[in-house]
């Protein structure tokens, strides 16, 4: 019973972090392409931050998945 509970928690954490990475990517990379903001470096900073947050979320998802395998 315990192994099943750990497996389900691992799946929830991995799924949540993967969806979080997709949301960060969509918000920071795809949205400026659809609705361009003001030009300049200041307009690109949120995109770079969201790309970094997306990468971190994916790395955490991989760590959570490997921890319980």
C-alpha atoms as a PDB file:
ATOM      1  CA  UNK A   1       0.000   0.000   0.000  1.00  0.00           C
ATOM      2  CA  UNK A   2       2.818   2.411   0.833  1.00  0.00           C
ATOM      3  CA  UNK A   3       4.519   2.012  -2.542  1.00  0.00           C
ATOM      4  CA  UNK A   4       1.285   2.839  -4.340  1.00  0.00           C
ATOM      5  CA  UNK A   5       0.843   6.004  -2.254  1.00  0.00           C
ATOM      6  CA  UNK A   6       4.407   7.142  -3.000  1.00  0.00           C
ATOM      7  CA  UNK A   7       3.923   6.429  -6.699  1.00  0.00           C
ATOM      8  CA  UNK A   8       0.760   8.511  -6.831  1.00  0.00           C
ATOM      9  CA  UNK A   9       2.478  11.417  -5.038  1.00  0.00           C
ATOM     10  CA  UNK A  10       5.427  11.229  -7.419  1.00  0.00           C
ATOM     11  CA  UNK A  11       3.042  11.346 -10.370  1.00  0.00           C
ATOM     12  CA  UNK A  12       1.192  14.373  -8.961  1.00  0.00           C
ATOM     13  CA  UNK A  13       4.418  16.304  -8.282  1.00  0.00           C
ATOM     14  CA  UNK A  14       5.874  15.475 -11.690  1.00  0.00           C
ATOM     15  CA  UNK A  15       2.634  16.337 -13.494  1.00  0.00           C
ATOM     16  CA  UNK A  16       2.247  19.626 -11.585  1.00  0.00           C
ATOM     17  CA  UNK A  17       5.811  20.750 -12.240  1.00  0.00           C
ATOM     18  CA  UNK A  18       5.566  19.825 -15.920  1.00  0.00           C
ATOM     19  CA  UNK A  19       2.336  21.810 -16.300  1.00  0.00           C
ATOM     20  CA  UNK A  20       3.935  24.712 -14.439  1.00  0.00           C
ATOM     21  CA  UNK A  21       6.840  24.693 -16.894  1.00  0.00           C
ATOM     22  CA  UNK A  22       4.407  24.732 -19.829  1.00  0.00           C
ATOM     23  CA  UNK A  23       2.528  27.662 -18.285  1.00  0.00           C
ATOM     24  CA  UNK A  24       5.744  29.644 -17.740  1.00  0.00           C
ATOM     25  CA  UNK A  25       6.806  28.931 -21.316  1.00  0.00           C
ATOM     26  CA  UNK A  26       3.434  29.963 -22.744  1.00  0.00           C
ATOM     27  CA  UNK A  27       3.280  33.111 -20.648  1.00  0.00           C
ATOM     28  CA  UNK A  28       6.772  34.278 -21.384  1.00  0.00           C
ATOM     29  CA  UNK A  29       7.614  33.031 -24.845  1.00  0.00           C
ATOM     30  CA  UNK A  30       4.415  32.449 -26.804  1.00  0.00           C
ATOM     31  CA  UNK A  31       2.366  35.384 -25.453  1.00  0.00           C
ATOM     32  CA  UNK A  32       4.813  38.104 -26.608  1.00  0.00           C
ATOM     33  CA  UNK A  33       4.757  36.587 -30.100  1.00  0.00           C
ATOM     34  CA  UNK A  34       0.958  36.778 -30.258  1.00  0.00           C
ATOM     35  CA  UNK A  35       0.604  40.197 -28.604  1.00  0.00           C
ATOM     36  CA  UNK A  36       3.907  42.051 -28.968  1.00  0.00           C
ATOM     37  CA  UNK A  37       4.775  44.375 -26.105  1.00  0.00           C
ATOM     38  CA  UNK A  38       6.869  47.508 -26.307  1.00  0.00           C
ATOM     39  CA  UNK A  39      10.220  47.041 -27.976  1.00  0.00           C
ATOM     40  CA  UNK A  40      13.446  47.094 -26.061  1.00  0.00           C
ATOM     41  CA  UNK A  41      15.397  45.103 -23.554  1.00  0.00           C
ATOM     42  CA  UNK A  42      12.860  45.842 -20.811  1.00  0.00           C
ATOM     43  CA  UNK A  43      10.204  44.034 -22.815  1.00  0.00           C
ATOM     44  CA  UNK A  44      12.398  40.958 -23.191  1.00  0.00           C
ATOM     45  CA  UNK A  45      13.357  40.606 -19.531  1.00  0.00           C
ATOM     46  CA  UNK A  46      10.078  38.902 -18.472  1.00  0.00           C
ATOM     47  CA  UNK A  47      10.491  36.445 -21.343  1.00  0.00           C
ATOM     48  CA  UNK A  48      13.983  35.517 -20.198  1.00  0.00           C
ATOM     49  CA  UNK A  49      12.814  35.177 -16.591  1.00  0.00           C
ATOM     50  CA  UNK A  50       9.942  32.916 -17.619  1.00  0.00           C
ATOM     51  CA  UNK A  51      12.277  30.800 -19.725  1.00  0.00           C
ATOM     52  CA  UNK A  52      14.501  30.349 -16.662  1.00  0.00           C
ATOM     53  CA  UNK A  53      11.498  29.486 -14.481  1.00  0.00           C
ATOM     54  CA  UNK A  54      10.352  26.968 -17.080  1.00  0.00           C
ATOM     55  CA  UNK A  55      13.782  25.321 -17.071  1.00  0.00           C
ATOM     56  CA  UNK A  56      13.835  25.180 -13.253  1.00  0.00           C
ATOM     57  CA  UNK A  57      10.340  23.651 -13.153  1.00  0.00           C
ATOM     58  CA  UNK A  58      11.342  20.956 -15.623  1.00  0.00           C
ATOM     59  CA  UNK A  59      14.506  20.170 -13.663  1.00  0.00           C
ATOM     60  CA  UNK A  60      12.456  19.826 -10.462  1.00  0.00           C
ATOM     61  CA  UNK A  61      10.038  17.506 -12.277  1.00  0.00           C
ATOM     62  CA  UNK A  62      12.960  15.312 -13.338  1.00  0.00           C
ATOM     63  CA  UNK A  63      14.351  15.286  -9.791  1.00  0.00           C
ATOM     64  CA  UNK A  64      10.960  14.305  -8.320  1.00  0.00           C
ATOM     65  CA  UNK A  65      10.579  11.549 -10.869  1.00  0.00           C
ATOM     66  CA  UNK A  66      14.059  10.098 -10.242  1.00  0.00           C
ATOM     67  CA  UNK A  67      13.714  10.279  -6.461  1.00  0.00           C
ATOM     68  CA  UNK A  68      10.977   7.642  -6.279  1.00  0.00           C
ATOM     69  CA  UNK A  69      11.957   5.408  -9.187  1.00  0.00           C
END
